[in-house]
Amino acid sequence: NLIAMDLGAVTKQSALHAKPSGLVLQYGTAGFRTKAQHLDHVMFRMGLLAVLRSKQTRSTIGVMVTASHNPEEDNGVKLVDPLGEMLAPSWEEHATRLANAEDQDLPGVLESISVEEAVPLRQDAIVVIGRDTRPSSEKLSQSVRDGVAALGGQVHDLGLLTTPQLHYVVCCQNTGGRYGKATTEGYYQKLSRAFLELAKQASCGGDEHRTIKVDCANGVGALKLRELEPHLAQALSLQLVNDGTKGKLNHLCGADFVKSHQQPPQGMEMKSSERCCSFDGDADRIVYYYCDAGGRFHLIDGDKIATLIGTFLQELLLEIGESLNLGVVQTAYANGSSTRYLEEVMKVPVYCAKTGVKHLHHKAQEFDIGVYFEANGHGTVLFSTSVETKIKQLAEELEDEKRKAAKILGNMIDLFNQAAGDAISDMLVVEAILALKGWTVQQWDALYTDLPNRQLKVKVADRRVISTTDAETRAVTPPGLQEAIDGLVQKYRLSRAFVRPSGTEDVVRVYAEADSQDSADHLAHEVSLAVFQLAGGIGERPQPCF
């Protein structure tokens, strides 16, 4: 059977994509990511792996060339599984093995993956490729194509795409068009049709034409919003900032910059109470913000987006009279005020998952309706197939207000990109909800007030000395650390703190929140000292940040 895989052709092609010696990479939540000049061999090999995965699943597999919110000189790659979801964990390990294999060992590694996964080698393979706007992306996606061709796979290069668009196309291809048309045009049609229906339902109250300012991080989101704009023209105007015509990708702009610096991006002029939002470089994250009359900046992050969406869906279900199993999934980084508001005020159940989108996505699949967002603005809503069918049916059968609510929910289902967190889709969802509620951005922001918080990093000799449990909220090792944290937390009001090892560098991340910024800063510093003492801190002792 292995003769069906022409290892001679692979070896010959591989020589053109040689691996630099000593480079070791790990396939993580974000796939592979590093300086672009080190990635040629990785791209070629991910083309090979995508072919094997496609044969094994008898489905189309996606390969996205992007480094998301990283600086322009970086790049990366991730594979997209058949239903538009992230690569299965066992295949993440194959990806790491394949990327790090020495050139002469490559055929052997391919062979062992094929045997281990019982890959039917005579099966046809189809791989679709998308890429972001980085200068290195075109050449690197050619290397992926070379890898696919070396194993005789069929390749469809879709060129410049947002990451969520690639997830959408893969999902459509493998569900026989049930999810939508497997093209970017199909994506625009599906989203715009749902949005315009919702805008129509909102405008019964005489709502004016809406405008939003969007910081596109000088990335691919700008190109795609320009393509979508004509479809939305009758209900929504977009003013694009950092649209890639002059600035550098993700430089002093984009969702990650705005969230971590708590300030507007370069080039964004904000009038009082204007709604503004920022995408990241590959348009899978979004945060909102505005300035009040006094010129103060207000950030509305993933927690508040999840809260707006979760409470709106809960209200629709109450109106329809359906008791479906709705849950909101957060990580330990979610602000305590958002969790309290959802649980205590709105009576929406909240669950905590480990950091990393795949963990949230997985947990959200357990509900009829699962809302998940990371505080950084990456998230979406998943609806079970039975719920989709039921809601569409109720929109036909019910009468008056109940029918109206069921129709709104049906359009909401179409407006979400359930394959992946999607800045474009999430923006349209937020705009539709605010229009339907007749809310201003301040009314949304006033749902609850964030507890002051502080994040710090402590350098350690080996981050593996820290192990955690309960979705990373409690430290199991080193001994005595969790007890120390518990003791410190008791000193402050409305406080909590946790530590977790970084996924990428030898640092321990510390998070603390409390009823005042001063208390949050003190708590974070004291927890950092405990980590430094008990987990083998190196370099200077953590300095106070107050």
Protein backbone atom coordinates (compact mmCIF):
# COMPACT_ATOMS: atom_id res chain seq x y z
CA ASN A 1 0.00 0.00 0.00
CA LEU A 2 2.84 2.39 0.83
CA ILE A 3 3.96 2.27 -2.81
CA ALA A 4 0.94 4.51 -3.45
CA MET A 5 2.92 7.25 -1.71
CA ASP A 6 5.80 8.25 -3.96
CA LEU A 7 8.48 8.84 -1.34
CA GLY A 8 11.09 9.40 -4.07
CA ALA A 9 9.19 12.47 -5.31
CA VAL A 10 8.83 13.70 -1.72
CA THR A 11 12.58 13.38 -1.05
CA LYS A 12 13.40 15.18 -4.31
CA GLN A 13 10.96 18.04 -3.62
CA SER A 14 11.98 18.21 0.03
CA ALA A 15 15.56 19.02 -1.00
CA LEU A 16 14.20 22.31 -2.39
CA HIS A 17 12.69 23.08 1.05
CA ALA A 18 15.55 22.06 3.31
CA LYS A 19 15.19 22.30 7.09
CA PRO A 20 17.61 24.69 8.86
CA SER A 21 19.64 22.69 11.39
CA GLY A 22 18.81 23.04 15.08
CA LEU A 23 15.38 24.63 14.59
CA VAL A 24 12.69 23.07 16.82
CA LEU A 25 9.06 24.19 16.58
CA GLN A 26 5.89 23.17 18.39
CA TYR A 27 2.38 23.04 16.85
CA GLY A 28 0.25 24.93 19.39
CA THR A 29 -3.22 26.51 19.54
CA ALA A 30 -2.07 28.94 16.85
CA GLY A 31 -0.37 26.28 14.73
CA PHE A 32 3.29 27.05 13.98
CA ARG A 33 4.46 30.63 14.33
CA THR A 34 7.92 32.19 14.08
CA LYS A 35 10.06 34.49 11.89
CA ALA A 36 8.98 34.03 8.26
CA GLN A 37 12.47 33.16 6.98
CA HIS A 38 12.49 29.94 9.08
CA LEU A 39 9.22 28.54 7.77
CA ASP A 40 9.78 27.32 4.21
CA HIS A 41 10.36 23.65 5.16
CA VAL A 42 7.45 23.74 7.63
CA MET A 43 5.05 24.97 4.94
CA PHE A 44 6.16 22.24 2.51
CA ARG A 45 5.66 19.60 5.20
CA MET A 46 2.25 20.91 6.24
CA GLY A 47 1.25 20.49 2.59
CA LEU A 48 2.28 16.83 2.92
CA LEU A 49 0.42 16.44 6.22
CA ALA A 50 -2.75 18.06 4.85
CA VAL A 51 -2.80 15.43 2.07
CA LEU A 52 -2.56 12.58 4.60
CA ARG A 53 -5.27 14.14 6.77
CA SER A 54 -7.49 14.65 3.72
CA LYS A 55 -7.08 11.00 2.67
CA GLN A 56 -7.72 9.77 6.21
CA THR A 57 -10.91 11.82 6.71
CA ARG A 58 -11.97 11.52 3.04
CA SER A 59 -12.62 15.27 3.24
CA THR A 60 -11.28 18.62 2.09
CA ILE A 61 -8.65 20.00 4.53
CA GLY A 62 -7.68 23.67 4.83
CA VAL A 63 -4.24 25.23 5.28
CA MET A 64 -4.07 28.87 6.44
CA VAL A 65 -0.83 30.82 6.09
CA THR A 66 -0.94 33.55 8.75
CA ALA A 67 0.60 34.73 12.00
CA SER A 68 -2.58 36.56 13.04
CA HIS A 69 -1.74 39.44 15.42
CA ASN A 70 2.06 38.88 15.37
CA PRO A 71 4.42 41.47 13.80
CA GLU A 72 4.67 41.62 10.00
CA GLU A 73 8.05 39.84 9.80
CA ASP A 74 6.58 36.70 11.44
CA ASN A 75 4.44 34.11 9.73
CA GLY A 76 2.75 30.85 10.58
CA VAL A 77 0.52 28.05 9.42
CA LYS A 78 -2.43 26.11 10.76
CA LEU A 79 -4.50 23.25 9.40
CA VAL A 80 -8.30 23.29 9.32
CA ASP A 81 -10.20 20.03 9.92
CA PRO A 82 -13.28 18.87 7.93
CA LEU A 83 -16.03 20.78 9.77
CA GLY A 84 -14.01 23.98 9.80
CA GLU A 85 -12.65 23.22 13.26
CA MET A 86 -9.05 23.21 14.49
CA LEU A 87 -6.78 20.26 13.80
CA ALA A 88 -7.37 17.19 16.01
CA PRO A 89 -4.88 17.01 18.94
CA SER A 90 -3.35 13.68 17.82
CA TRP A 91 -2.56 15.29 14.45
CA GLU A 92 -1.00 18.32 16.18
CA GLU A 93 1.59 15.83 17.45
CA HIS A 94 2.13 14.48 13.93
CA ALA A 95 2.58 18.09 12.72
CA THR A 96 5.26 18.74 15.35
CA ARG A 97 7.07 15.47 14.53
CA LEU A 98 6.98 16.18 10.80
CA ALA A 99 8.17 19.80 11.14
CA ASN A 100 11.13 18.82 13.30
CA ALA A 101 12.25 15.69 11.39
CA GLU A 102 15.70 15.93 9.79
CA ASP A 103 15.51 15.91 5.97
CA GLN A 104 16.74 12.32 5.65
CA ASP A 105 14.13 11.09 8.19
CA LEU A 106 11.17 12.74 6.45
CA PRO A 107 10.03 9.71 4.38
CA GLY A 108 10.17 7.49 7.49
CA VAL A 109 8.05 9.91 9.53
CA LEU A 110 5.46 10.17 6.73
CA GLU A 111 5.33 6.42 6.52
CA SER A 112 4.86 5.96 10.27
CA ILE A 113 2.04 8.57 10.40
CA SER A 114 0.32 6.76 7.51
CA VAL A 115 0.57 3.40 9.27
CA GLU A 116 -0.40 4.77 12.71
CA GLU A 117 -3.49 6.52 11.35
CA ALA A 118 -4.36 3.78 8.81
CA VAL A 119 -4.39 6.36 6.00
CA PRO A 120 -5.98 4.94 2.80
CA LEU A 121 -3.20 6.10 0.48
CA ARG A 122 -5.11 5.47 -2.76
CA GLN A 123 -7.86 7.84 -1.61
CA ASP A 124 -7.97 11.24 -3.41
CA ALA A 125 -6.95 14.31 -1.40
CA ILE A 126 -8.19 17.90 -1.68
CA VAL A 127 -6.50 20.80 0.11
CA VAL A 128 -7.65 24.45 0.09
CA ILE A 129 -5.15 27.19 0.96
CA GLY A 130 -5.69 30.74 2.18
CA ARG A 131 -3.17 33.40 3.17
CA ASP A 132 -2.97 36.79 4.89
CA THR A 133 -1.38 39.98 3.49
CA ARG A 134 2.18 39.57 4.88
CA PRO A 135 4.96 40.09 2.31
CA SER A 136 6.13 36.49 2.97
CA SER A 137 2.72 34.81 2.67
CA GLU A 138 2.60 34.34 -1.10
CA LYS A 139 5.95 32.55 -1.31
CA LEU A 140 5.15 30.42 1.75
CA SER A 141 1.78 29.34 0.38
CA GLN A 142 3.64 28.23 -2.77
CA SER A 143 5.70 25.95 -0.50
CA VAL A 144 2.45 24.46 0.86
CA ARG A 145 1.31 23.86 -2.74
CA ASP A 146 4.62 22.10 -3.48
CA GLY A 147 4.00 19.79 -0.50
CA VAL A 148 0.46 18.96 -1.61
CA ALA A 149 1.67 18.28 -5.17
CA ALA A 150 4.54 16.05 -3.97
CA LEU A 151 1.98 13.60 -2.58
CA GLY A 152 -0.35 13.94 -5.56
CA GLY A 153 -3.04 15.95 -3.75
CA GLN A 154 -5.40 18.35 -5.51
CA VAL A 155 -4.93 21.95 -4.45
CA HIS A 156 -7.29 24.95 -4.56
CA ASP A 157 -5.43 28.14 -3.72
CA LEU A 158 -7.99 30.75 -2.67
CA GLY A 159 -5.38 33.49 -2.26
CA LEU A 160 -6.01 36.31 0.22
CA LEU A 161 -8.61 35.35 2.84
CA THR A 162 -9.40 36.02 6.47
CA THR A 163 -8.74 32.95 8.62
CA PRO A 164 -12.50 32.56 9.44
CA GLN A 165 -13.34 32.65 5.72
CA LEU A 166 -11.07 29.65 5.12
CA HIS A 167 -12.75 27.81 8.03
CA TYR A 168 -16.13 28.65 6.48
CA VAL A 169 -15.15 27.40 3.00
CA VAL A 170 -13.79 24.10 4.39
CA CYS A 171 -16.99 23.56 6.40
CA CYS A 172 -19.19 24.28 3.34
CA GLN A 173 -17.15 21.96 1.10
CA ASN A 174 -17.54 19.04 3.50
CA THR A 175 -21.23 19.52 4.33
CA GLY A 176 -22.42 19.46 0.74
CA GLY A 177 -23.38 23.13 0.75
CA ARG A 178 -25.71 22.64 3.73
CA TYR A 179 -23.82 25.33 5.65
CA GLY A 180 -23.60 27.71 2.68
CA LYS A 181 -21.85 28.15 -0.68
CA ALA A 182 -18.15 27.28 -0.45
CA THR A 183 -16.89 30.62 -1.85
CA THR A 184 -16.16 34.06 -0.40
CA GLU A 185 -19.15 35.33 -2.38
CA GLY A 186 -21.28 32.65 -0.68
CA TYR A 187 -19.93 33.87 2.67
CA TYR A 188 -20.88 37.49 1.89
CA GLN A 189 -24.35 36.46 0.72
CA LYS A 190 -25.08 34.38 3.80
CA LEU A 191 -23.96 37.06 6.28
CA SER A 192 -25.49 40.02 4.46
CA ARG A 193 -28.86 38.31 3.93
CA ALA A 194 -29.14 37.52 7.65
CA PHE A 195 -27.92 41.00 8.67
CA LEU A 196 -30.30 42.87 6.36
CA GLU A 197 -33.25 40.81 7.65
CA LEU A 198 -32.32 41.73 11.23
CA ALA A 199 -31.81 45.39 10.27
CA LYS A 200 -35.31 45.35 8.74
CA GLN A 201 -36.76 43.93 11.98
CA ALA A 202 -34.94 46.61 13.97
CA SER A 203 -35.94 49.52 11.75
CA CYS A 204 -39.64 49.06 12.60
CA GLY A 205 -38.71 51.39 15.46
CA GLY A 206 -37.54 53.98 12.88
CA ASP A 207 -33.85 53.31 13.47
CA GLU A 208 -31.45 55.49 11.49
CA HIS A 209 -28.78 54.19 9.11
CA ARG A 210 -25.85 52.93 11.21
CA THR A 211 -22.16 53.76 10.83
CA ILE A 212 -19.19 52.09 12.46
CA LYS A 213 -15.45 52.85 12.34
CA VAL A 214 -13.29 49.77 11.87
CA ASP A 215 -9.53 49.54 12.49
CA CYS A 216 -8.44 46.71 10.16
CA ALA A 217 -4.91 46.35 11.63
CA ASN A 218 -3.56 46.99 8.09
CA GLY A 219 -4.50 43.39 7.36
CA VAL A 220 -6.67 41.21 5.14
CA GLY A 221 -9.84 42.28 6.98
CA ALA A 222 -9.75 45.59 5.10
CA LEU A 223 -9.79 43.90 1.67
CA LYS A 224 -12.65 41.63 2.68
CA LEU A 225 -14.74 44.39 4.27
CA ARG A 226 -14.40 46.36 1.02
CA GLU A 227 -15.83 43.35 -0.84
CA LEU A 228 -18.65 42.93 1.70
CA GLU A 229 -19.52 46.65 1.90
CA PRO A 230 -21.82 46.84 -1.19
CA HIS A 231 -23.92 43.95 0.20
CA LEU A 232 -24.58 45.91 3.41
CA ALA A 233 -24.89 49.42 1.94
CA GLN A 234 -28.61 49.89 2.66
CA ALA A 235 -28.24 49.27 6.41
CA LEU A 236 -24.64 49.84 7.52
CA SER A 237 -21.81 52.16 6.51
CA LEU A 238 -18.23 51.20 7.30
CA GLN A 239 -15.43 53.72 7.79
CA LEU A 240 -12.15 51.83 7.49
CA VAL A 241 -9.01 52.95 9.34
CA ASN A 242 -5.59 51.24 8.99
CA ASP A 243 -6.77 49.64 5.76
CA GLY A 244 -3.30 48.55 4.64
CA THR A 245 -2.74 51.37 2.14
CA LYS A 246 0.06 52.94 4.17
CA GLY A 247 0.61 51.39 7.61
CA LYS A 248 2.41 48.23 8.69
CA LEU A 249 0.44 45.09 9.65
CA ASN A 250 -0.50 45.07 13.38
CA HIS A 251 1.87 47.97 14.11
CA LEU A 252 0.36 50.25 16.81
CA CYS A 253 -3.08 49.05 15.71
CA GLY A 254 -5.38 46.02 15.74
CA ALA A 255 -7.38 44.22 18.43
CA ASP A 256 -4.36 42.88 20.31
CA PHE A 257 -2.73 46.33 20.55
CA VAL A 258 -5.96 48.01 21.71
CA LYS A 259 -6.71 45.32 24.31
CA SER A 260 -3.21 45.17 25.80
CA HIS A 261 -2.47 48.92 25.71
CA GLN A 262 -6.02 50.01 26.62
CA GLN A 263 -5.84 52.82 24.07
CA PRO A 264 -7.17 53.54 20.57
CA PRO A 265 -5.07 52.47 17.57
CA GLN A 266 -2.91 54.91 15.65
CA GLY A 267 -4.91 56.83 13.07
CA MET A 268 -8.32 56.41 14.74
CA GLU A 269 -9.97 59.78 15.33
CA MET A 270 -12.87 59.29 17.72
CA LYS A 271 -15.74 61.66 18.31
CA SER A 272 -17.55 61.36 21.62
CA SER A 273 -19.65 58.16 21.86
CA GLU A 274 -18.80 56.97 18.34
CA ARG A 275 -18.80 53.17 18.02
CA CYS A 276 -15.38 51.91 16.95
CA CYS A 277 -13.91 48.43 16.71
CA SER A 278 -10.58 46.77 15.90
CA PHE A 279 -9.85 43.51 14.08
CA ASP A 280 -6.56 41.65 14.32
CA GLY A 281 -4.32 40.87 11.32
CA ASP A 282 -6.28 37.82 10.08
CA ALA A 283 -9.70 39.11 11.25
CA ASP A 284 -10.61 36.41 13.76
CA ARG A 285 -10.65 38.71 16.82
CA ILE A 286 -12.60 41.87 17.55
CA VAL A 287 -12.81 44.41 20.38
CA TYR A 288 -15.08 47.49 20.56
CA TYR A 289 -14.37 50.85 22.22
CA TYR A 290 -15.50 54.49 22.42
CA CYS A 291 -14.58 57.80 24.06
CA ASP A 292 -16.96 59.48 26.51
CA ALA A 293 -17.76 63.21 26.52
CA GLY A 294 -14.76 63.80 28.80
CA GLY A 295 -12.44 62.14 26.27
CA ARG A 296 -11.92 59.01 28.41
CA PHE A 297 -11.27 55.77 26.50
CA HIS A 298 -13.58 52.80 27.20
CA LEU A 299 -12.69 49.29 26.01
CA ILE A 300 -15.41 46.69 25.38
CA ASP A 301 -13.60 43.35 25.18
CA GLY A 302 -14.56 39.74 24.51
CA ASP A 303 -16.20 39.35 27.94
CA LYS A 304 -18.63 42.18 27.28
CA ILE A 305 -19.30 40.96 23.74
CA ALA A 306 -20.13 37.49 25.14
CA THR A 307 -22.37 39.06 27.77
CA LEU A 308 -24.30 41.12 25.21
CA ILE A 309 -24.79 38.06 22.98
CA GLY A 310 -25.54 35.60 25.81
CA THR A 311 -28.17 37.82 27.43
CA PHE A 312 -29.79 38.66 24.07
CA LEU A 313 -30.11 34.99 23.11
CA GLN A 314 -31.48 34.21 26.59
CA GLU A 315 -34.12 36.95 26.19
CA LEU A 316 -35.14 35.59 22.76
CA LEU A 317 -35.53 32.06 24.17
CA LEU A 318 -37.73 33.39 27.02
CA GLU A 319 -39.86 35.26 24.50
CA ILE A 320 -40.25 32.19 22.28
CA GLY A 321 -41.01 30.10 25.37
CA GLU A 322 -38.29 27.53 24.66
CA SER A 323 -36.13 26.23 27.48
CA LEU A 324 -32.99 25.27 25.59
CA ASN A 325 -29.69 24.48 27.20
CA LEU A 326 -27.74 27.78 26.77
CA GLY A 327 -24.28 28.19 28.28
CA VAL A 328 -21.49 30.79 28.15
CA VAL A 329 -17.91 29.47 28.14
CA GLN A 330 -15.10 31.71 29.41
CA THR A 331 -11.49 31.26 30.52
CA ALA A 332 -9.96 32.16 33.88
CA TYR A 333 -9.00 35.53 32.32
CA ALA A 334 -12.66 36.58 32.03
CA ASN A 335 -13.41 39.53 34.29
CA GLY A 336 -15.18 38.44 37.49
CA SER A 337 -17.86 41.12 36.96
CA SER A 338 -18.93 39.54 33.65
CA THR A 339 -19.25 36.10 35.25
CA ARG A 340 -21.24 37.51 38.19
CA TYR A 341 -23.55 39.50 35.90
CA LEU A 342 -24.31 36.51 33.67
CA GLU A 343 -24.87 34.09 36.56
CA GLU A 344 -26.59 36.29 39.13
CA VAL A 345 -28.48 38.89 37.09
CA MET A 346 -29.25 37.08 33.84
CA LYS A 347 -29.34 33.52 35.28
CA VAL A 348 -27.20 32.28 32.39
CA PRO A 349 -24.90 29.36 33.32
CA VAL A 350 -21.18 30.10 32.89
CA TYR A 351 -18.43 27.51 32.47
CA CYS A 352 -14.67 27.94 32.68
CA ALA A 353 -12.38 26.23 30.14
CA LYS A 354 -8.60 26.12 29.81
CA THR A 355 -6.98 29.00 27.90
CA GLY A 356 -6.89 28.38 24.13
CA VAL A 357 -9.72 28.59 21.62
CA LYS A 358 -9.91 24.86 20.97
CA HIS A 359 -10.77 24.22 24.64
CA LEU A 360 -13.60 26.78 24.59
CA HIS A 361 -14.94 25.54 21.25
CA HIS A 362 -14.96 21.95 22.53
CA LYS A 363 -16.83 22.89 25.73
CA ALA A 364 -19.36 25.04 23.81
CA GLN A 365 -20.29 22.01 21.68
CA GLU A 366 -21.84 20.39 24.79
CA PHE A 367 -24.80 22.83 24.78
CA ASP A 368 -27.85 23.38 22.60
CA ILE A 369 -26.49 26.93 22.28
CA GLY A 370 -22.88 27.50 23.37
CA VAL A 371 -21.51 31.06 23.51
CA TYR A 372 -17.73 31.25 23.85
CA PHE A 373 -15.35 34.21 23.89
CA GLU A 374 -11.86 34.83 25.14
CA ALA A 375 -11.31 38.22 26.76
CA ASN A 376 -9.06 39.07 23.76
CA GLY A 377 -12.13 39.16 21.49
CA HIS A 378 -11.93 35.74 19.84
CA GLY A 379 -15.21 33.85 19.92
CA THR A 380 -18.50 32.79 18.37
CA VAL A 381 -21.72 30.91 19.14
CA LEU A 382 -22.41 27.25 18.32
CA PHE A 383 -25.94 25.94 17.73
CA SER A 384 -26.71 22.21 17.72
CA THR A 385 -28.27 20.90 14.50
CA SER A 386 -31.50 20.02 16.30
CA VAL A 387 -31.80 23.58 17.64
CA GLU A 388 -31.28 25.05 14.15
CA THR A 389 -34.05 22.85 12.75
CA LYS A 390 -36.37 23.60 15.68
CA ILE A 391 -35.94 27.39 15.52
CA LYS A 392 -36.51 27.52 11.73
CA GLN A 393 -39.67 25.41 12.29
CA LEU A 394 -40.94 27.68 15.10
CA ALA A 395 -40.42 30.75 12.88
CA GLU A 396 -43.06 29.20 10.57
CA GLU A 397 -45.47 27.86 13.21
CA LEU A 398 -45.62 30.45 16.02
CA GLU A 399 -47.71 33.60 15.98
CA ASP A 400 -47.18 37.33 16.66
CA GLU A 401 -44.37 38.27 19.08
CA LYS A 402 -43.21 34.67 19.52
CA ARG A 403 -42.90 34.24 15.77
CA LYS A 404 -40.98 37.52 15.48
CA ALA A 405 -38.52 36.36 18.18
CA ALA A 406 -38.07 32.97 16.48
CA LYS A 407 -37.38 34.72 13.14
CA ILE A 408 -34.79 36.96 14.81
CA LEU A 409 -33.11 33.90 16.35
CA GLY A 410 -33.15 32.09 12.98
CA ASN A 411 -31.35 35.01 11.33
CA MET A 412 -28.90 35.20 14.25
CA ILE A 413 -27.99 31.55 13.65
CA ASP A 414 -27.11 32.41 10.02
CA LEU A 415 -25.15 35.50 11.06
CA PHE A 416 -22.70 33.58 13.26
CA ASN A 417 -19.71 31.85 11.69
CA GLN A 418 -19.93 28.63 13.70
CA ALA A 419 -16.72 27.27 12.19
CA ALA A 420 -14.47 29.83 13.95
CA GLY A 421 -14.32 33.11 15.83
CA ASP A 422 -14.83 35.71 13.10
CA ALA A 423 -14.37 39.47 13.50
CA ILE A 424 -16.60 40.34 10.51
CA SER A 425 -19.44 38.06 11.61
CA ASP A 426 -19.16 39.11 15.29
CA MET A 427 -19.22 42.80 14.31
CA LEU A 428 -22.45 42.29 12.35
CA VAL A 429 -23.97 40.35 15.27
CA VAL A 430 -23.17 43.17 17.72
CA GLU A 431 -24.48 45.82 15.31
CA ALA A 432 -27.71 43.85 14.82
CA ILE A 433 -28.26 43.35 18.57
CA LEU A 434 -27.63 47.02 19.41
CA ALA A 435 -30.05 48.04 16.62
CA LEU A 436 -32.73 45.58 17.77
CA LYS A 437 -32.40 46.75 21.39
CA GLY A 438 -32.13 50.41 20.39
CA TRP A 439 -29.03 50.67 22.57
CA THR A 440 -26.10 53.08 22.41
CA VAL A 441 -22.57 51.85 22.97
CA GLN A 442 -22.65 53.39 26.49
CA GLN A 443 -25.80 51.47 27.44
CA TRP A 444 -24.05 48.28 26.40
CA ASP A 445 -20.91 49.22 28.35
CA ALA A 446 -23.03 49.96 31.44
CA LEU A 447 -24.25 46.33 31.75
CA TYR A 448 -21.58 45.90 34.44
CA THR A 449 -18.32 47.56 35.50
CA ASP A 450 -15.11 45.56 35.07
CA LEU A 451 -13.18 44.77 38.23
CA PRO A 452 -9.70 46.36 38.14
CA ASN A 453 -7.09 43.74 37.22
CA ARG A 454 -3.39 43.31 36.52
CA GLN A 455 -1.41 40.76 34.51
CA LEU A 456 2.30 40.16 35.16
CA LYS A 457 5.01 37.72 34.02
CA VAL A 458 7.63 36.04 36.22
CA LYS A 459 10.78 34.60 34.59
CA VAL A 460 11.52 31.06 35.78
CA ALA A 461 14.22 28.50 34.96
CA ASP A 462 11.65 25.92 33.89
CA ARG A 463 7.95 26.69 33.47
CA ARG A 464 7.10 22.99 33.82
CA VAL A 465 7.48 23.20 37.61
CA ILE A 466 4.04 24.85 37.54
CA SER A 467 1.12 22.50 36.96
CA THR A 468 -2.52 23.50 37.28
CA THR A 469 -6.02 22.08 37.63
CA ASP A 470 -9.65 23.36 37.47
CA ALA A 471 -9.23 25.00 34.03
CA GLU A 472 -5.89 26.52 35.15
CA THR A 473 -7.42 28.40 38.09
CA ARG A 474 -5.51 26.45 40.78
CA ALA A 475 -1.82 25.49 41.04
CA VAL A 476 -1.06 21.87 41.93
CA THR A 477 2.73 22.22 41.97
CA PRO A 478 5.09 23.46 43.32
CA PRO A 479 3.94 22.54 46.84
CA GLY A 480 2.77 25.48 48.95
CA LEU A 481 2.14 27.86 46.03
CA GLN A 482 -1.67 27.56 45.93
CA GLU A 483 -1.87 27.92 49.74
CA ALA A 484 0.24 31.10 49.47
CA ILE A 485 -2.09 32.49 46.74
CA ASP A 486 -5.20 31.64 48.81
CA GLY A 487 -3.74 33.49 51.80
CA LEU A 488 -2.93 36.59 49.72
CA VAL A 489 -6.36 36.69 48.05
CA GLN A 490 -8.08 36.79 51.45
CA LYS A 491 -6.46 40.17 52.17
CA TYR A 492 -8.44 42.00 49.44
CA ARG A 493 -12.13 42.57 48.62
CA LEU A 494 -13.76 40.94 45.54
CA SER A 495 -10.37 39.48 44.72
CA ARG A 496 -9.05 36.40 42.97
CA ALA A 497 -5.70 35.44 41.46
CA PHE A 498 -4.24 32.55 39.52
CA VAL A 499 -0.96 31.60 37.86
CA ARG A 500 -0.27 29.45 34.79
CA PRO A 501 2.82 28.50 32.79
CA SER A 502 3.13 30.29 29.45
CA GLY A 503 2.53 28.09 26.41
CA THR A 504 5.53 29.51 24.56
CA GLU A 505 8.28 30.84 26.87
CA ASP A 506 9.81 30.13 30.30
CA VAL A 507 7.62 32.55 32.17
CA VAL A 508 4.72 32.13 34.57
CA ARG A 509 1.71 34.35 33.88
CA VAL A 510 0.07 35.97 36.90
CA TYR A 511 -3.49 37.36 36.89
CA ALA A 512 -5.08 39.26 39.77
CA GLU A 513 -8.26 41.27 40.21
CA ALA A 514 -9.76 43.14 43.17
CA ASP A 515 -12.16 45.95 44.05
CA SER A 516 -9.60 48.71 43.28
CA GLN A 517 -6.66 49.06 40.89
CA ASP A 518 -4.36 49.63 43.84
CA SER A 519 -5.47 46.35 45.46
CA ALA A 520 -5.23 44.44 42.16
CA ASP A 521 -1.67 45.77 41.63
CA HIS A 522 -0.59 44.86 45.18
CA LEU A 523 -2.12 41.40 44.93
CA ALA A 524 -0.46 40.72 41.54
CA HIS A 525 2.91 41.81 42.93
CA GLU A 526 2.61 39.64 46.06
CA VAL A 527 1.57 36.59 43.99
CA SER A 528 4.55 37.24 41.65
CA LEU A 529 6.91 37.18 44.65
CA ALA A 530 5.40 33.88 45.81
CA VAL A 531 5.93 32.41 42.32
CA PHE A 532 9.51 33.76 42.21
CA GLN A 533 10.34 32.15 45.58
CA LEU A 534 8.54 28.82 45.14
CA ALA A 535 8.87 28.14 41.40
CA GLY A 536 12.55 28.94 40.80
CA GLY A 537 12.42 32.53 39.60
CA ILE A 538 15.50 33.80 37.75
CA GLY A 539 16.92 37.28 37.24
CA GLU A 540 15.65 40.19 39.32
CA ARG A 541 12.92 39.76 41.92
CA PRO A 542 9.57 41.06 40.61
CA GLN A 543 9.34 44.82 41.15
CA PRO A 544 6.12 46.53 42.33
CA CYS A 545 3.97 47.91 39.47
CA PHE A 546 2.45 50.66 41.64
